[in-house]
Amino acid sequence: MEEKHVQEWRSYIDPALESKKQEFLLLGYSTATKEEIWNCLNKKVWKKNKQKRLHAVVQDVFRLQPHTYLSYVANQIYQNDDLKASLEAVTKGF
């Protein structure tokens, strides 16, 4: 099978993402979503190499470790909190 950009494989790997989401839910990550898992893979796993074969993309989904996902989610929360604080500081005088 040919290599494609990971985004092109998104519709094919939905069952794998659903499986990973269910795994994280069983581990206590009650807010896990397929979209967050996909975004985590894009930012943490595929940040340098986004050209992959389908089997490699599916393998990456199943190999995603909870600590990698948790690190991604924590970073997203931290960035959103910083943005909110920055907006509040800028708009405080208005």
PDB file of N, CA and C in Angstrom:
ATOM      1  N   MET A   1       0.846  -1.175   0.000  1.00  0.00           N
ATOM      2  CA  MET A   1       0.000   0.000   0.000  1.00  0.00           C
ATOM      3  C   MET A   1       0.890   1.237   0.000  1.00  0.00           C
ATOM      4  N   GLU A   2       0.421   2.270  -0.647  1.00  0.00           N
ATOM      5  CA  GLU A   2       1.198   3.490  -0.810  1.00  0.00           C
ATOM      6  C   GLU A   2       1.213   4.355   0.451  1.00  0.00           C
ATOM      7  N   GLU A   3       2.191   5.222   0.523  1.00  0.00           N
ATOM      8  CA  GLU A   3       2.262   6.199   1.604  1.00  0.00           C
ATOM      9  C   GLU A   3       1.404   7.398   1.235  1.00  0.00           C
ATOM     10  N   LYS A   4       0.703   7.907   2.235  1.00  0.00           N
ATOM     11  CA  LYS A   4      -0.103   9.112   2.073  1.00  0.00           C
ATOM     12  C   LYS A   4       0.080   9.967   3.312  1.00  0.00           C
ATOM     13  N   HIS A   5      -0.348  11.205   3.211  1.00  0.00           N
ATOM     14  CA  HIS A   5      -0.367  12.079   4.379  1.00  0.00           C
ATOM     15  C   HIS A   5      -1.360  11.486   5.374  1.00  0.00           C
ATOM     16  N   VAL A   6      -1.044  11.517   6.650  1.00  0.00           N
ATOM     17  CA  VAL A   6      -1.895  10.877   7.654  1.00  0.00           C
ATOM     18  C   VAL A   6      -3.333  11.386   7.603  1.00  0.00           C
ATOM     19  N   GLN A   7      -3.522  12.641   7.236  1.00  0.00           N
ATOM     20  CA  GLN A   7      -4.876  13.200   7.165  1.00  0.00           C
ATOM     21  C   GLN A   7      -5.745  12.433   6.162  1.00  0.00           C
ATOM     22  N   GLU A   8      -5.127  11.919   5.119  1.00  0.00           N
ATOM     23  CA  GLU A   8      -5.874  11.167   4.102  1.00  0.00           C
ATOM     24  C   GLU A   8      -6.363   9.818   4.628  1.00  0.00           C
ATOM     25  N   TRP A   9      -5.735   9.303   5.675  1.00  0.00           N
ATOM     26  CA  TRP A   9      -6.127   8.011   6.242  1.00  0.00           C
ATOM     27  C   TRP A   9      -7.188   8.164   7.327  1.00  0.00           C
ATOM     28  N   ARG A  10      -7.534   9.382   7.711  1.00  0.00           N
ATOM     29  CA  ARG A  10      -8.415   9.631   8.859  1.00  0.00           C
ATOM     30  C   ARG A  10      -9.714   8.835   8.790  1.00  0.00           C
ATOM     31  N   SER A  11     -10.382   8.850   7.678  1.00  0.00           N
ATOM     32  CA  SER A  11     -11.684   8.161   7.586  1.00  0.00           C
ATOM     33  C   SER A  11     -11.538   6.642   7.665  1.00  0.00           C
ATOM     34  N   TYR A  12     -10.385   6.121   7.303  1.00  0.00           N
ATOM     35  CA  TYR A  12     -10.161   4.676   7.325  1.00  0.00           C
ATOM     36  C   TYR A  12      -9.905   4.133   8.733  1.00  0.00           C
ATOM     37  N   ILE A  13      -9.381   4.973   9.599  1.00  0.00           N
ATOM     38  CA  ILE A  13      -8.947   4.463  10.901  1.00  0.00           C
ATOM     39  C   ILE A  13      -9.922   4.768  12.032  1.00  0.00           C
ATOM     40  N   ASP A  14     -11.123   5.166  11.697  1.00  0.00           N
ATOM     41  CA  ASP A  14     -12.111   5.487  12.730  1.00  0.00           C
ATOM     42  C   ASP A  14     -12.315   4.339  13.723  1.00  0.00           C
ATOM     43  N   PRO A  15     -12.414   3.074  13.275  1.00  0.00           N
ATOM     44  CA  PRO A  15     -12.572   1.978  14.246  1.00  0.00           C
ATOM     45  C   PRO A  15     -11.387   1.873  15.227  1.00  0.00           C
ATOM     46  N   ALA A  16     -10.185   2.135  14.751  1.00  0.00           N
ATOM     47  CA  ALA A  16      -9.015   2.087  15.635  1.00  0.00           C
ATOM     48  C   ALA A  16      -9.075   3.217  16.658  1.00  0.00           C
ATOM     49  N   LEU A  17      -9.499   4.395  16.219  1.00  0.00           N
ATOM     50  CA  LEU A  17      -9.635   5.523  17.154  1.00  0.00           C
ATOM     51  C   LEU A  17     -10.720   5.248  18.195  1.00  0.00           C
ATOM     52  N   GLU A  18     -11.817   4.634  17.764  1.00  0.00           N
ATOM     53  CA  GLU A  18     -12.891   4.278  18.699  1.00  0.00           C
ATOM     54  C   GLU A  18     -12.390   3.265  19.727  1.00  0.00           C
ATOM     55  N   SER A  19     -11.619   2.302  19.278  1.00  0.00           N
ATOM     56  CA  SER A  19     -11.050   1.305  20.181  1.00  0.00           C
ATOM     57  C   SER A  19     -10.127   1.957  21.213  1.00  0.00           C
ATOM     58  N   LYS A  20      -9.290   2.883  20.759  1.00  0.00           N
ATOM     59  CA  LYS A  20      -8.362   3.562  21.668  1.00  0.00           C
ATOM     60  C   LYS A  20      -9.137   4.431  22.654  1.00  0.00           C
ATOM     61  N   LYS A  21     -10.194   5.093  22.169  1.00  0.00           N
ATOM     62  CA  LYS A  21     -11.030   5.906  23.055  1.00  0.00           C
ATOM     63  C   LYS A  21     -11.638   5.034  24.155  1.00  0.00           C
ATOM     64  N   GLN A  22     -12.166   3.880  23.780  1.00  0.00           N
ATOM     65  CA  GLN A  22     -12.759   2.977  24.772  1.00  0.00           C
ATOM     66  C   GLN A  22     -11.710   2.498  25.772  1.00  0.00           C
ATOM     67  N   GLU A  23     -10.512   2.238  25.298  1.00  0.00           N
ATOM     68  CA  GLU A  23      -9.420   1.838  26.190  1.00  0.00           C
ATOM     69  C   GLU A  23      -9.137   2.937  27.215  1.00  0.00           C
ATOM     70  N   PHE A  24      -9.038   4.181  26.748  1.00  0.00           N
ATOM     71  CA  PHE A  24      -8.763   5.296  27.655  1.00  0.00           C
ATOM     72  C   PHE A  24      -9.923   5.512  28.628  1.00  0.00           C
ATOM     73  N   LEU A  25     -11.146   5.312  28.163  1.00  0.00           N
ATOM     74  CA  LEU A  25     -12.294   5.435  29.065  1.00  0.00           C
ATOM     75  C   LEU A  25     -12.223   4.390  30.181  1.00  0.00           C
ATOM     76  N   LEU A  26     -11.820   3.176  29.829  1.00  0.00           N
ATOM     77  CA  LEU A  26     -11.668   2.120  30.838  1.00  0.00           C
ATOM     78  C   LEU A  26     -10.553   2.441  31.838  1.00  0.00           C
ATOM     79  N   LEU A  27      -9.552   3.179  31.371  1.00  0.00           N
ATOM     80  CA  LEU A  27      -8.438   3.563  32.246  1.00  0.00           C
ATOM     81  C   LEU A  27      -8.755   4.794  33.100  1.00  0.00           C
ATOM     82  N   GLY A  28      -9.953   5.359  32.911  1.00  0.00           N
ATOM     83  CA  GLY A  28     -10.366   6.483  33.741  1.00  0.00           C
ATOM     84  C   GLY A  28     -10.271   7.848  33.095  1.00  0.00           C
ATOM     85  N   TYR A  29      -9.869   7.893  31.832  1.00  0.00           N
ATOM     86  CA  TYR A  29      -9.825   9.177  31.116  1.00  0.00           C
ATOM     87  C   TYR A  29     -11.222   9.442  30.556  1.00  0.00           C
ATOM     88  N   SER A  30     -12.109   9.946  31.397  1.00  0.00           N
ATOM     89  CA  SER A  30     -13.526  10.031  31.063  1.00  0.00           C
ATOM     90  C   SER A  30     -13.861  11.046  29.977  1.00  0.00           C
ATOM     91  N   THR A  31     -12.936  11.924  29.653  1.00  0.00           N
ATOM     92  CA  THR A  31     -13.219  12.926  28.620  1.00  0.00           C
ATOM     93  C   THR A  31     -12.536  12.614  27.291  1.00  0.00           C
ATOM     94  N   ALA A  32     -11.975  11.429  27.159  1.00  0.00           N
ATOM     95  CA  ALA A  32     -11.274  11.060  25.927  1.00  0.00           C
ATOM     96  C   ALA A  32     -12.241  11.037  24.744  1.00  0.00           C
ATOM     97  N   THR A  33     -11.804  11.631  23.643  1.00  0.00           N
ATOM     98  CA  THR A  33     -12.595  11.619  22.411  1.00  0.00           C
ATOM     99  C   THR A  33     -11.699  11.178  21.256  1.00  0.00           C
ATOM    100  N   LYS A  34     -12.330  10.722  20.197  1.00  0.00           N
ATOM    101  CA  LYS A  34     -11.567  10.322  19.012  1.00  0.00           C
ATOM    102  C   LYS A  34     -10.822  11.518  18.435  1.00  0.00           C
ATOM    103  N   GLU A  35     -11.456  12.674  18.455  1.00  0.00           N
ATOM    104  CA  GLU A  35     -10.826  13.877  17.902  1.00  0.00           C
ATOM    105  C   GLU A  35      -9.597  14.285  18.710  1.00  0.00           C
ATOM    106  N   GLU A  36      -9.683  14.205  20.042  1.00  0.00           N
ATOM    107  CA  GLU A  36      -8.519  14.523  20.882  1.00  0.00           C
ATOM    108  C   GLU A  36      -7.391  13.527  20.655  1.00  0.00           C
ATOM    109  N   ILE A  37      -7.737  12.266  20.516  1.00  0.00           N
ATOM    110  CA  ILE A  37      -6.721  11.244  20.257  1.00  0.00           C
ATOM    111  C   ILE A  37      -6.054  11.509  18.911  1.00  0.00           C
ATOM    112  N   TRP A  38      -6.838  11.836  17.907  1.00  0.00           N
ATOM    113  CA  TRP A  38      -6.303  12.159  16.580  1.00  0.00           C
ATOM    114  C   TRP A  38      -5.365  13.370  16.670  1.00  0.00           C
ATOM    115  N   ASN A  39      -5.805  14.408  17.367  1.00  0.00           N
ATOM    116  CA  ASN A  39      -4.981  15.611  17.516  1.00  0.00           C
ATOM    117  C   ASN A  39      -3.691  15.313  18.273  1.00  0.00           C
ATOM    118  N   CYS A  40      -3.788  14.471  19.288  1.00  0.00           N
ATOM    119  CA  CYS A  40      -2.605  14.066  20.049  1.00  0.00           C
ATOM    120  C   CYS A  40      -1.607  13.353  19.132  1.00  0.00           C
ATOM    121  N   LEU A  41      -2.094  12.441  18.333  1.00  0.00           N
ATOM    122  CA  LEU A  41      -1.211  11.731  17.402  1.00  0.00           C
ATOM    123  C   LEU A  41      -0.545  12.711  16.436  1.00  0.00           C
ATOM    124  N   ASN A  42      -1.318  13.656  15.937  1.00  0.00           N
ATOM    125  CA  ASN A  42      -0.767  14.646  15.011  1.00  0.00           C
ATOM    126  C   ASN A  42       0.327  15.485  15.653  1.00  0.00           C
ATOM    127  N   LYS A  43       0.121  15.899  16.893  1.00  0.00           N
ATOM    128  CA  LYS A  43       1.082  16.801  17.548  1.00  0.00           C
ATOM    129  C   LYS A  43       2.239  16.074  18.211  1.00  0.00           C
ATOM    130  N   LYS A  44       1.997  14.882  18.735  1.00  0.00           N
ATOM    131  CA  LYS A  44       3.026  14.181  19.503  1.00  0.00           C
ATOM    132  C   LYS A  44       3.745  13.074  18.724  1.00  0.00           C
ATOM    133  N   VAL A  45       3.015  12.325  17.921  1.00  0.00           N
ATOM    134  CA  VAL A  45       3.581  11.146  17.261  1.00  0.00           C
ATOM    135  C   VAL A  45       4.021  11.450  15.833  1.00  0.00           C
ATOM    136  N   TRP A  46       3.209  12.200  15.111  1.00  0.00           N
ATOM    137  CA  TRP A  46       3.490  12.447  13.704  1.00  0.00           C
ATOM    138  C   TRP A  46       4.026  13.850  13.447  1.00  0.00           C
ATOM    139  N   LYS A  47       4.591  14.484  14.427  1.00  0.00           N
ATOM    140  CA  LYS A  47       5.000  15.881  14.254  1.00  0.00           C
ATOM    141  C   LYS A  47       6.059  16.057  13.166  1.00  0.00           C
ATOM    142  N   LYS A  48       6.883  15.058  12.921  1.00  0.00           N
ATOM    143  CA  LYS A  48       7.932  15.177  11.907  1.00  0.00           C
ATOM    144  C   LYS A  48       7.629  14.386  10.640  1.00  0.00           C
ATOM    145  N   ASN A  49       7.034  13.214  10.792  1.00  0.00           N
ATOM    146  CA  ASN A  49       6.790  12.355   9.631  1.00  0.00           C
ATOM    147  C   ASN A  49       5.295  12.138   9.455  1.00  0.00           C
ATOM    148  N   LYS A  50       4.698  12.878   8.540  1.00  0.00           N
ATOM    149  CA  LYS A  50       3.265  12.761   8.323  1.00  0.00           C
ATOM    150  C   LYS A  50       2.921  11.945   7.082  1.00  0.00           C
ATOM    151  N   GLN A  51       3.921  11.364   6.427  1.00  0.00           N
ATOM    152  CA  GLN A  51       3.702  10.477   5.283  1.00  0.00           C
ATOM    153  C   GLN A  51       3.842   9.040   5.786  1.00  0.00           C
ATOM    154  N   LYS A  52       2.734   8.298   5.772  1.00  0.00           N
ATOM    155  CA  LYS A  52       2.758   6.935   6.312  1.00  0.00           C
ATOM    156  C   LYS A  52       1.846   6.031   5.495  1.00  0.00           C
ATOM    157  N   ARG A  53       2.085   4.749   5.664  1.00  0.00           N
ATOM    158  CA  ARG A  53       1.183   3.742   5.102  1.00  0.00           C
ATOM    159  C   ARG A  53       0.058   3.510   6.109  1.00  0.00           C
ATOM    160  N   LEU A  54      -1.051   2.993   5.615  1.00  0.00           N
ATOM    161  CA  LEU A  54      -2.227   2.783   6.461  1.00  0.00           C
ATOM    162  C   LEU A  54      -1.908   1.924   7.670  1.00  0.00           C
ATOM    163  N   HIS A  55      -1.200   0.811   7.471  1.00  0.00           N
ATOM    164  CA  HIS A  55      -0.915  -0.078   8.600  1.00  0.00           C
ATOM    165  C   HIS A  55      -0.060   0.627   9.659  1.00  0.00           C
ATOM    166  N   ALA A  56       0.807   1.547   9.246  1.00  0.00           N
ATOM    167  CA  ALA A  56       1.649   2.268  10.200  1.00  0.00           C
ATOM    168  C   ALA A  56       0.824   3.270  11.010  1.00  0.00           C
ATOM    169  N   VAL A  57      -0.168   3.879  10.369  1.00  0.00           N
ATOM    170  CA  VAL A  57      -1.044   4.820  11.080  1.00  0.00           C
ATOM    171  C   VAL A  57      -1.860   4.076  12.129  1.00  0.00           C
ATOM    172  N   VAL A  58      -2.427   2.942  11.744  1.00  0.00           N
ATOM    173  CA  VAL A  58      -3.212   2.133  12.692  1.00  0.00           C
ATOM    174  C   VAL A  58      -2.321   1.663  13.837  1.00  0.00           C
ATOM    175  N   GLN A  59      -1.118   1.246  13.519  1.00  0.00           N
ATOM    176  CA  GLN A  59      -0.181   0.807  14.551  1.00  0.00           C
ATOM    177  C   GLN A  59       0.123   1.941  15.532  1.00  0.00           C
ATOM    178  N   ASP A  60       0.304   3.140  15.023  1.00  0.00           N
ATOM    179  CA  ASP A  60       0.561   4.290  15.892  1.00  0.00           C
ATOM    180  C   ASP A  60      -0.610   4.558  16.827  1.00  0.00           C
ATOM    181  N   VAL A  61      -1.830   4.385  16.331  1.00  0.00           N
ATOM    182  CA  VAL A  61      -3.016   4.580  17.172  1.00  0.00           C
ATOM    183  C   VAL A  61      -2.987   3.579  18.325  1.00  0.00           C
ATOM    184  N   PHE A  62      -2.771   2.309  18.005  1.00  0.00           N
ATOM    185  CA  PHE A  62      -2.796   1.281  19.042  1.00  0.00           C
ATOM    186  C   PHE A  62      -1.611   1.373  19.998  1.00  0.00           C
ATOM    187  N   ARG A  63      -0.511   1.951  19.553  1.00  0.00           N
ATOM    188  CA  ARG A  63       0.665   2.098  20.409  1.00  0.00           C
ATOM    189  C   ARG A  63       0.650   3.368  21.261  1.00  0.00           C
ATOM    190  N   LEU A  64      -0.319   4.243  21.042  1.00  0.00           N
ATOM    191  CA  LEU A  64      -0.384   5.481  21.814  1.00  0.00           C
ATOM    192  C   LEU A  64      -0.511   5.166  23.298  1.00  0.00           C
ATOM    193  N   GLN A  65       0.445   5.632  24.064  1.00  0.00           N
ATOM    194  CA  GLN A  65       0.480   5.347  25.498  1.00  0.00           C
ATOM    195  C   GLN A  65      -0.356   6.371  26.278  1.00  0.00           C
ATOM    196  N   PRO A  66      -0.972   5.940  27.368  1.00  0.00           N
ATOM    197  CA  PRO A  66      -1.761   6.877  28.175  1.00  0.00           C
ATOM    198  C   PRO A  66      -0.959   8.099  28.637  1.00  0.00           C
ATOM    199  N   HIS A  67       0.321   7.910  28.978  1.00  0.00           N
ATOM    200  CA  HIS A  67       1.096   9.062  29.453  1.00  0.00           C
ATOM    201  C   HIS A  67       1.327  10.084  28.342  1.00  0.00           C
ATOM    202  N   THR A  68       1.430   9.634  27.100  1.00  0.00           N
ATOM    203  CA  THR A  68       1.569  10.561  25.977  1.00  0.00           C
ATOM    204  C   THR A  68       0.278  11.350  25.788  1.00  0.00           C
ATOM    205  N   TYR A  69      -0.845  10.662  25.872  1.00  0.00           N
ATOM    206  CA  TYR A  69      -2.147  11.315  25.748  1.00  0.00           C
ATOM    207  C   TYR A  69      -2.357  12.302  26.894  1.00  0.00           C
ATOM    208  N   LEU A  70      -2.051  11.889  28.104  1.00  0.00           N
ATOM    209  CA  LEU A  70      -2.237  12.762  29.266  1.00  0.00           C
ATOM    210  C   LEU A  70      -1.355  13.999  29.163  1.00  0.00           C
ATOM    211  N   SER A  71      -0.138  13.831  28.699  1.00  0.00           N
ATOM    212  CA  SER A  71       0.764  14.962  28.497  1.00  0.00           C
ATOM    213  C   SER A  71       0.179  15.942  27.486  1.00  0.00           C
ATOM    214  N   TYR A  72      -0.351  15.432  26.402  1.00  0.00           N
ATOM    215  CA  TYR A  72      -0.974  16.279  25.386  1.00  0.00           C
ATOM    216  C   TYR A  72      -2.154  17.043  25.966  1.00  0.00           C
ATOM    217  N   VAL A  73      -3.052  16.344  26.660  1.00  0.00           N
ATOM    218  CA  VAL A  73      -4.245  16.974  27.225  1.00  0.00           C
ATOM    219  C   VAL A  73      -3.848  18.034  28.252  1.00  0.00           C
ATOM    220  N   ALA A  74      -2.891  17.724  29.112  1.00  0.00           N
ATOM    221  CA  ALA A  74      -2.441  18.696  30.116  1.00  0.00           C
ATOM    222  C   ALA A  74      -1.858  19.930  29.448  1.00  0.00           C
ATOM    223  N   ASN A  75      -1.094  19.738  28.395  1.00  0.00           N
ATOM    224  CA  ASN A  75      -0.516  20.860  27.667  1.00  0.00           C
ATOM    225  C   ASN A  75      -1.604  21.723  27.038  1.00  0.00           C
ATOM    226  N   GLN A  76      -2.625  21.094  26.479  1.00  0.00           N
ATOM    227  CA  GLN A  76      -3.734  21.835  25.883  1.00  0.00           C
ATOM    228  C   GLN A  76      -4.470  22.658  26.936  1.00  0.00           C
ATOM    229  N   ILE A  77      -4.689  22.074  28.104  1.00  0.00           N
ATOM    230  CA  ILE A  77      -5.363  22.792  29.191  1.00  0.00           C
ATOM    231  C   ILE A  77      -4.519  23.974  29.634  1.00  0.00           C
ATOM    232  N   TYR A  78      -3.223  23.752  29.777  1.00  0.00           N
ATOM    233  CA  TYR A  78      -2.314  24.823  30.191  1.00  0.00           C
ATOM    234  C   TYR A  78      -2.323  25.954  29.176  1.00  0.00           C
ATOM    235  N   GLN A  79      -2.270  25.632  27.889  1.00  0.00           N
ATOM    236  CA  GLN A  79      -2.279  26.666  26.850  1.00  0.00           C
ATOM    237  C   GLN A  79      -3.596  27.433  26.850  1.00  0.00           C
ATOM    238  N   ASN A  80      -4.703  26.738  27.041  1.00  0.00           N
ATOM    239  CA  ASN A  80      -6.004  27.407  27.079  1.00  0.00           C
ATOM    240  C   ASN A  80      -6.126  28.303  28.298  1.00  0.00           C
ATOM    241  N   ASP A  81      -5.605  27.861  29.445  1.00  0.00           N
ATOM    242  CA  ASP A  81      -5.626  28.680  30.646  1.00  0.00           C
ATOM    243  C   ASP A  81      -4.779  29.933  30.460  1.00  0.00           C
ATOM    244  N   ASP A  82      -3.624  29.784  29.831  1.00  0.00           N
ATOM    245  CA  ASP A  82      -2.772  30.941  29.567  1.00  0.00           C
ATOM    246  C   ASP A  82      -3.470  31.929  28.645  1.00  0.00           C
ATOM    247  N   LEU A  83      -4.151  31.435  27.648  1.00  0.00           N
ATOM    248  CA  LEU A  83      -4.870  32.294  26.724  1.00  0.00           C
ATOM    249  C   LEU A  83      -5.973  33.048  27.455  1.00  0.00           C
ATOM    250  N   LYS A  84      -6.708  32.340  28.294  1.00  0.00           N
ATOM    251  CA  LYS A  84      -7.791  32.967  29.049  1.00  0.00           C
ATOM    252  C   LYS A  84      -7.238  34.046  29.978  1.00  0.00           C
ATOM    253  N   ALA A  85      -6.149  33.742  30.675  1.00  0.00           N
ATOM    254  CA  ALA A  85      -5.539  34.722  31.568  1.00  0.00           C
ATOM    255  C   ALA A  85      -5.036  35.935  30.788  1.00  0.00           C
ATOM    256  N   SER A  86      -4.458  35.703  29.633  1.00  0.00           N
ATOM    257  CA  SER A  86      -3.963  36.800  28.795  1.00  0.00           C
ATOM    258  C   SER A  86      -5.110  37.682  28.330  1.00  0.00           C
ATOM    259  N   LEU A  87      -6.204  37.068  27.906  1.00  0.00           N
ATOM    260  CA  LEU A  87      -7.367  37.841  27.472  1.00  0.00           C
ATOM    261  C   LEU A  87      -7.964  38.647  28.613  1.00  0.00           C
ATOM    262  N   GLU A  88      -8.030  38.051  29.797  1.00  0.00           N
ATOM    263  CA  GLU A  88      -8.557  38.761  30.955  1.00  0.00           C
ATOM    264  C   GLU A  88      -7.674  39.947  31.320  1.00  0.00           C
ATOM    265  N   ALA A  89      -6.354  39.774  31.235  1.00  0.00           N
ATOM    266  CA  ALA A  89      -5.429  40.860  31.551  1.00  0.00           C
ATOM    267  C   ALA A  89      -5.577  42.013  30.562  1.00  0.00           C
ATOM    268  N   VAL A  90      -5.768  41.684  29.302  1.00  0.00           N
ATOM    269  CA  VAL A  90      -5.880  42.718  28.280  1.00  0.00           C
ATOM    270  C   VAL A  90      -7.202  43.458  28.389  1.00  0.00           C
ATOM    271  N   THR A  91      -8.269  42.721  28.685  1.00  0.00           N
ATOM    272  CA  THR A  91      -9.611  43.342  28.724  1.00  0.00           C
ATOM    273  C   THR A  91     -10.001  43.844  30.102  1.00  0.00           C
ATOM    274  N   LYS A  92      -9.137  43.731  31.085  1.00  0.00           N
ATOM    275  CA  LYS A  92      -9.473  44.115  32.461  1.00  0.00           C
ATOM    276  C   LYS A  92      -9.847  45.587  32.580  1.00  0.00           C
ATOM    277  N   GLY A  93      -9.191  46.459  31.847  1.00  0.00           N
ATOM    278  CA  GLY A  93      -9.462  47.881  31.944  1.00  0.00           C
ATOM    279  C   GLY A  93     -10.704  48.350  31.204  1.00  0.00           C
ATOM    280  N   PHE A  94     -11.314  47.474  30.418  1.00  0.00           N
ATOM    281  CA  PHE A  94     -12.448  47.891  29.598  1.00  0.00           C
ATOM    282  C   PHE A  94     -13.760  47.668  30.286  1.00  0.00           C
TER     283      PHE A  94
END
